[in-house]
């Protein structure tokens, strides 16, 4: 009986980990026959788990949605990781903080004493600096995540930085988070190109039943980083510093600018802002912090703004 119970819990864990399993795959993972898998599936159904079966190509067993959330099966490492992540989210992320706190309360009630002690020890030793978050619709985030998991097209309403609204159809590939914001990296079918979308600007997201063949995909993190440092700004500048790329990256987060090494003591920064004056001030302040020389490669209006600032500061000093 103990062996059967352990096997059924293992089967439930597998069904939770992936959207669809074939009978032979489950039999191989559990080291049992296909007939035993079918019996165990029936046992899960008797316990109230909505396990669906589909025949033919692409078919298999899938854990469906019931009227109530079934209990999850987590191993020790997964339970500790979930509790730590929820504690961090509850303390520092305004967008999901309240929901994370409710989930953490439920998880904390059922954690074994030995695991709860590990989580509390880490919590007592850690201080979190709160940061303002960006409110987003959790339903939109989950819809996008499921579309990525199932490999189906996604449609949503989108409001761009300039407040223009449009309806986008895309093939979603990855969600990328900076801690404060979430981004969807997808192939935009209307533009026939890769695009990065801020999830908090998405609305009415709906996943279709149309699957798509995976494309050769660029690095989503690099693409989101580039979109954040360049996309949507009124002015984008290229600047060179007499400093190492490592030192420049320590001063400029990846969410603000794109840093490239040009040599041992030479690095390039590409960053954007809403106007040339603000961008010139930002670039100059970085040079001051690094005690480095600064060269504005382009555009000319940023060089002009920097020269105007120099004249203004000289006037301030003389007066």
Protein backbone atom coordinates (compact mmCIF):
# COMPACT_ATOMS: atom_id res chain seq x y z
CA UNK A 1 0.00 0.00 0.00
CA UNK A 2 2.82 2.42 0.86
CA UNK A 3 4.49 1.72 -2.47
CA UNK A 4 1.21 2.32 -4.35
CA UNK A 5 0.60 5.60 -2.48
CA UNK A 6 4.11 6.81 -3.24
CA UNK A 7 3.67 5.94 -6.92
CA UNK A 8 0.35 7.79 -7.15
CA UNK A 9 1.86 10.89 -5.54
CA UNK A 10 4.73 10.66 -8.01
CA UNK A 11 2.21 10.36 -10.86
CA UNK A 12 0.37 13.44 -9.61
CA UNK A 13 3.65 15.36 -9.42
CA UNK A 14 4.42 14.46 -13.06
CA UNK A 15 0.96 15.54 -14.24
CA UNK A 16 1.41 18.88 -12.47
CA UNK A 17 4.84 19.44 -14.03
CA UNK A 18 3.80 19.18 -17.69
CA UNK A 19 0.62 19.90 -19.62
CA UNK A 20 0.38 16.54 -21.46
CA UNK A 21 1.91 13.09 -20.87
CA UNK A 22 1.54 9.99 -23.02
CA UNK A 23 0.86 6.67 -21.33
CA UNK A 24 4.20 5.13 -22.38
CA UNK A 25 6.10 8.19 -21.09
CA UNK A 26 4.42 7.92 -17.69
CA UNK A 27 5.01 4.18 -17.56
CA UNK A 28 8.71 4.72 -18.28
CA UNK A 29 9.05 7.44 -15.65
CA UNK A 30 7.28 5.37 -13.00
CA UNK A 31 8.90 2.08 -14.08
CA UNK A 32 5.53 0.32 -14.33
CA UNK A 33 3.31 -1.07 -17.11
CA UNK A 34 0.83 1.02 -19.12
CA UNK A 35 -1.97 -0.95 -17.44
CA UNK A 36 -0.73 0.12 -14.00
CA UNK A 37 -0.68 3.75 -15.19
CA UNK A 38 -4.32 3.47 -16.26
CA UNK A 39 -5.29 2.03 -12.86
CA UNK A 40 -3.44 4.81 -11.03
CA UNK A 41 -5.12 7.43 -13.23
CA UNK A 42 -8.50 5.95 -12.22
CA UNK A 43 -7.46 6.19 -8.54
CA UNK A 44 -6.65 9.88 -8.98
CA UNK A 45 -10.04 10.45 -10.58
CA UNK A 46 -11.72 8.68 -7.64
CA UNK A 47 -9.91 11.12 -5.33
CA UNK A 48 -11.38 14.06 -7.23
CA UNK A 49 -8.52 14.97 -9.58
CA UNK A 50 -9.82 15.88 -13.07
CA UNK A 51 -7.44 13.83 -15.22
CA UNK A 52 -8.45 13.99 -18.90
CA UNK A 53 -7.38 11.57 -21.61
CA UNK A 54 -7.21 12.28 -25.35
CA UNK A 55 -6.57 9.71 -28.08
CA UNK A 56 -4.70 10.03 -31.34
CA UNK A 57 -1.59 12.05 -32.34
CA UNK A 58 -0.72 14.63 -29.73
CA UNK A 59 -3.02 12.98 -27.21
CA UNK A 60 -2.29 11.76 -23.73
CA UNK A 61 -3.15 12.44 -20.10
CA UNK A 62 -3.69 15.98 -18.86
CA UNK A 63 -4.52 17.32 -15.40
CA UNK A 64 -7.58 19.49 -15.99
CA UNK A 65 -9.25 22.21 -14.00
CA UNK A 66 -11.74 21.21 -11.34
CA UNK A 67 -14.16 23.23 -9.29
CA UNK A 68 -11.58 23.47 -6.54
CA UNK A 69 -7.79 23.64 -6.52
CA UNK A 70 -6.32 20.20 -5.80
CA UNK A 71 -3.40 19.97 -3.38
CA UNK A 72 0.05 20.32 -4.90
CA UNK A 73 2.80 17.79 -4.38
CA UNK A 74 6.12 19.50 -3.62
CA UNK A 75 9.41 17.96 -2.60
CA UNK A 76 11.49 19.56 0.19
CA UNK A 77 13.58 21.80 -2.08
CA UNK A 78 10.53 22.97 -4.04
CA UNK A 79 8.61 23.81 -0.84
CA UNK A 80 11.49 25.83 0.62
CA UNK A 81 12.09 27.64 -2.68
CA UNK A 82 8.38 28.50 -2.98
CA UNK A 83 8.23 29.86 0.58
CA UNK A 84 11.36 31.99 0.13
CA UNK A 85 10.11 33.40 -3.19
CA UNK A 86 6.73 34.24 -1.68
CA UNK A 87 8.36 36.00 1.28
CA UNK A 88 10.47 38.14 -1.06
CA UNK A 89 7.47 38.97 -3.25
CA UNK A 90 5.28 39.80 -0.25
CA UNK A 91 7.90 42.19 1.13
CA UNK A 92 9.12 43.94 -2.01
CA UNK A 93 6.67 43.67 -4.90
CA UNK A 94 3.62 45.92 -4.72
CA UNK A 95 2.14 44.32 -7.83
CA UNK A 96 1.75 40.84 -6.27
CA UNK A 97 2.54 41.49 -2.60
CA UNK A 98 -0.93 40.93 -1.16
CA UNK A 99 -1.55 37.75 -3.16
CA UNK A 100 1.93 36.46 -2.27
CA UNK A 101 1.26 37.06 1.42
CA UNK A 102 -1.99 35.08 1.29
CA UNK A 103 -0.28 32.20 -0.53
CA UNK A 104 2.62 32.30 1.94
CA UNK A 105 0.24 32.07 4.88
CA UNK A 106 -1.35 28.92 3.45
CA UNK A 107 2.01 27.34 2.65
CA UNK A 108 3.46 28.19 6.06
CA UNK A 109 0.59 26.35 7.77
CA UNK A 110 1.40 23.05 6.08
CA UNK A 111 5.20 23.15 5.96
CA UNK A 112 6.82 20.40 8.08
CA UNK A 113 8.59 21.77 11.15
CA UNK A 114 12.07 21.02 9.79
CA UNK A 115 11.37 22.92 6.54
CA UNK A 116 9.64 25.81 8.28
CA UNK A 117 12.75 26.22 10.47
CA UNK A 118 14.97 26.54 7.39
CA UNK A 119 12.71 29.17 5.83
CA UNK A 120 12.46 31.20 9.05
CA UNK A 121 16.24 31.08 9.57
CA UNK A 122 16.81 32.60 6.15
CA UNK A 123 14.02 35.13 6.69
CA UNK A 124 15.51 36.31 10.00
CA UNK A 125 18.92 36.75 8.40
CA UNK A 126 17.62 38.72 5.41
CA UNK A 127 16.50 42.35 5.06
CA UNK A 128 14.55 43.45 2.00
CA UNK A 129 14.67 46.95 0.57
CA UNK A 130 11.15 47.69 -0.72
CA UNK A 131 10.83 49.01 -4.26
CA UNK A 132 7.80 50.53 -5.94
CA UNK A 133 6.14 48.09 -8.31
CA UNK A 134 3.93 48.52 -11.33
CA UNK A 135 0.37 47.28 -10.95
CA UNK A 136 -0.52 44.56 -13.44
CA UNK A 137 -3.43 42.26 -14.04
CA UNK A 138 -2.56 38.81 -12.72
CA UNK A 139 -4.97 37.24 -15.19
CA UNK A 140 -3.04 38.73 -18.11
CA UNK A 141 0.24 37.42 -16.72
CA UNK A 142 -1.14 33.92 -16.21
CA UNK A 143 -2.80 33.86 -19.65
CA UNK A 144 0.52 34.76 -21.28
CA UNK A 145 2.37 32.13 -19.23
CA UNK A 146 -0.09 29.41 -20.21
CA UNK A 147 0.09 30.39 -23.89
CA UNK A 148 3.89 30.09 -23.72
CA UNK A 149 3.65 26.71 -22.01
CA UNK A 150 1.12 25.33 -24.50
CA UNK A 151 2.73 26.90 -27.58
CA UNK A 152 -0.41 28.67 -28.79
CA UNK A 153 -1.00 32.12 -30.26
CA UNK A 154 -1.91 35.03 -28.01
CA UNK A 155 -4.02 38.11 -28.77
CA UNK A 156 -4.26 41.19 -26.54
CA UNK A 157 -4.99 44.91 -26.52
CA UNK A 158 -1.84 47.00 -26.11
CA UNK A 159 -1.21 50.63 -25.14
CA UNK A 160 2.18 51.87 -26.36
CA UNK A 161 4.39 54.43 -24.65
CA UNK A 162 2.82 57.23 -26.71
CA UNK A 163 -0.68 56.10 -25.58
CA UNK A 164 -1.57 54.65 -29.00
CA UNK A 165 -3.74 51.55 -28.72
CA UNK A 166 -3.67 48.49 -30.94
CA UNK A 167 -4.64 44.81 -31.02
CA UNK A 168 -1.65 42.47 -31.26
CA UNK A 169 -1.53 38.86 -32.43
CA UNK A 170 1.68 37.08 -31.52
CA UNK A 171 3.51 33.85 -30.88
CA UNK A 172 4.60 34.15 -27.22
CA UNK A 173 8.01 32.76 -26.27
CA UNK A 174 9.13 34.04 -22.86
CA UNK A 175 8.20 36.23 -19.91
CA UNK A 176 11.07 38.32 -18.53
CA UNK A 177 10.93 40.16 -15.21
CA UNK A 178 13.20 42.85 -13.79
CA UNK A 179 11.66 42.49 -10.34
CA UNK A 180 9.58 45.64 -10.79
CA UNK A 181 8.10 44.99 -14.22
CA UNK A 182 7.15 42.06 -16.42
CA UNK A 183 7.81 41.88 -20.17
CA UNK A 184 6.50 39.51 -22.84
CA UNK A 185 8.96 38.55 -25.57
CA UNK A 186 7.06 37.39 -28.65
CA UNK A 187 6.97 37.17 -32.43
CA UNK A 188 4.53 39.87 -33.57
CA UNK A 189 2.53 38.40 -36.45
CA UNK A 190 1.36 41.81 -37.66
CA UNK A 191 4.90 43.24 -37.78
CA UNK A 192 6.64 39.98 -38.77
CA UNK A 193 9.35 40.67 -36.21
CA UNK A 194 10.34 40.10 -32.59
CA UNK A 195 8.76 42.51 -30.12
CA UNK A 196 8.89 43.20 -26.40
CA UNK A 197 5.64 44.16 -24.62
CA UNK A 198 5.20 45.48 -21.09
CA UNK A 199 2.64 43.23 -19.42
CA UNK A 200 1.13 46.10 -17.40
CA UNK A 201 0.20 47.75 -20.73
CA UNK A 202 -1.55 44.61 -21.99
CA UNK A 203 -5.29 44.02 -21.55
CA UNK A 204 -7.96 41.54 -22.57
CA UNK A 205 -5.38 38.82 -23.23
CA UNK A 206 -6.81 35.65 -24.72
CA UNK A 207 -5.01 32.52 -25.82
CA UNK A 208 -6.18 30.78 -28.98
CA UNK A 209 -6.16 27.10 -29.86
CA UNK A 210 -3.83 27.71 -32.82
CA UNK A 211 -0.42 26.19 -32.18
CA UNK A 212 2.76 27.40 -33.88
CA UNK A 213 6.09 25.89 -34.87
CA UNK A 214 8.97 27.20 -32.76
CA UNK A 215 11.22 29.71 -34.52
CA UNK A 216 14.97 30.17 -34.00
CA UNK A 217 14.82 32.47 -31.00
CA UNK A 218 17.26 35.22 -29.98
CA UNK A 219 18.13 35.60 -26.31
CA UNK A 220 14.94 37.00 -24.69
CA UNK A 221 16.83 38.63 -21.81
CA UNK A 222 19.20 40.44 -24.20
CA UNK A 223 16.27 41.56 -26.35
CA UNK A 224 14.34 42.91 -23.37
CA UNK A 225 17.46 44.66 -22.08
CA UNK A 226 17.93 46.33 -25.46
CA UNK A 227 14.28 47.34 -25.65
CA UNK A 228 14.47 48.89 -22.18
CA UNK A 229 17.62 50.88 -22.92
CA UNK A 230 16.58 52.08 -26.39
CA UNK A 231 12.93 51.51 -27.16
CA UNK A 232 10.28 54.16 -26.72
CA UNK A 233 12.62 57.02 -25.73
CA UNK A 234 12.70 60.40 -27.41
CA UNK A 235 16.51 60.40 -27.55
CA UNK A 236 18.98 57.48 -27.60
CA UNK A 237 22.70 58.18 -27.24
CA UNK A 238 25.92 56.23 -27.72
CA UNK A 239 28.71 57.22 -25.32
CA UNK A 240 32.27 55.98 -24.73
CA UNK A 241 33.98 55.97 -21.34
CA UNK A 242 37.61 55.45 -20.34
CA UNK A 243 36.58 52.74 -17.90
CA UNK A 244 36.23 48.98 -17.96
CA UNK A 245 32.93 47.46 -19.00
CA UNK A 246 32.71 45.74 -15.61
CA UNK A 247 33.01 49.06 -13.76
CA UNK A 248 30.44 50.65 -16.06
CA UNK A 249 27.97 47.77 -15.55
CA UNK A 250 28.30 48.17 -11.79
CA UNK A 251 27.24 51.78 -12.17
CA UNK A 252 24.57 51.29 -14.87
CA UNK A 253 21.94 48.56 -14.30
CA UNK A 254 20.99 46.46 -17.31
CA UNK A 255 17.49 47.93 -17.09
CA UNK A 256 18.87 51.43 -17.83
CA UNK A 257 21.58 50.99 -20.45
CA UNK A 258 23.38 48.51 -22.71
CA UNK A 259 27.12 48.21 -21.97
CA UNK A 260 29.69 46.79 -24.41
CA UNK A 261 33.42 46.32 -23.80
CA UNK A 262 35.68 48.08 -26.32
CA UNK A 263 38.96 47.30 -24.56
CA UNK A 264 40.51 46.93 -21.11
CA UNK A 265 39.84 50.57 -20.24
CA UNK A 266 37.26 51.48 -22.84
CA UNK A 267 33.52 50.76 -22.80
CA UNK A 268 30.44 51.82 -24.72
CA UNK A 269 27.05 52.70 -23.25
CA UNK A 270 23.80 52.97 -25.20
CA UNK A 271 21.00 54.58 -23.19
CA UNK A 272 17.86 56.58 -23.78
CA UNK A 273 15.78 59.32 -22.16
CA UNK A 274 12.82 61.51 -22.98
CA UNK A 275 14.95 64.56 -23.82
CA UNK A 276 18.59 65.37 -24.68
CA UNK A 277 19.20 67.53 -21.59
CA UNK A 278 18.17 64.81 -19.16
CA UNK A 279 20.25 62.22 -21.01
CA UNK A 280 23.33 64.49 -21.11
CA UNK A 281 23.09 65.01 -17.34
CA UNK A 282 22.78 61.26 -16.76
CA UNK A 283 25.79 60.40 -18.94
CA UNK A 284 27.93 63.11 -17.35
CA UNK A 285 27.04 61.98 -13.84
CA UNK A 286 28.16 58.43 -14.67
CA UNK A 287 31.52 59.78 -15.91
CA UNK A 288 31.93 61.74 -12.67
CA UNK A 289 31.20 58.65 -10.55
CA UNK A 290 33.71 56.58 -12.53
CA UNK A 291 36.29 59.38 -12.69
CA UNK A 292 36.41 58.67 -16.43
CA UNK A 293 36.54 60.68 -19.65
CA UNK A 294 33.31 60.81 -21.63
CA UNK A 295 32.86 61.02 -25.40
CA UNK A 296 29.38 61.43 -26.88
CA UNK A 297 29.42 59.57 -30.20
CA UNK A 298 25.88 60.52 -31.19
CA UNK A 299 23.45 62.20 -31.47
CA UNK A 300 24.65 65.81 -31.87
CA UNK A 301 21.83 67.23 -29.73
CA UNK A 302 23.18 65.39 -26.67
CA UNK A 303 26.64 66.91 -27.25
CA UNK A 304 25.01 70.33 -27.58
CA UNK A 305 23.03 69.80 -24.37
CA UNK A 306 26.24 68.79 -22.57
CA UNK A 307 28.02 71.95 -23.81
CA UNK A 308 25.11 74.11 -22.69
CA UNK A 309 25.22 72.48 -19.25
CA UNK A 310 28.95 73.22 -19.02
CA UNK A 311 28.40 76.89 -19.77
CA UNK A 312 25.58 77.04 -17.26
CA UNK A 313 27.67 75.43 -14.50
CA UNK A 314 30.56 77.78 -15.25
CA UNK A 315 28.19 80.71 -14.86
CA UNK A 316 26.94 79.32 -11.56
CA UNK A 317 30.51 78.95 -10.26
CA UNK A 318 31.48 82.52 -11.22
CA UNK A 319 28.37 84.02 -9.68
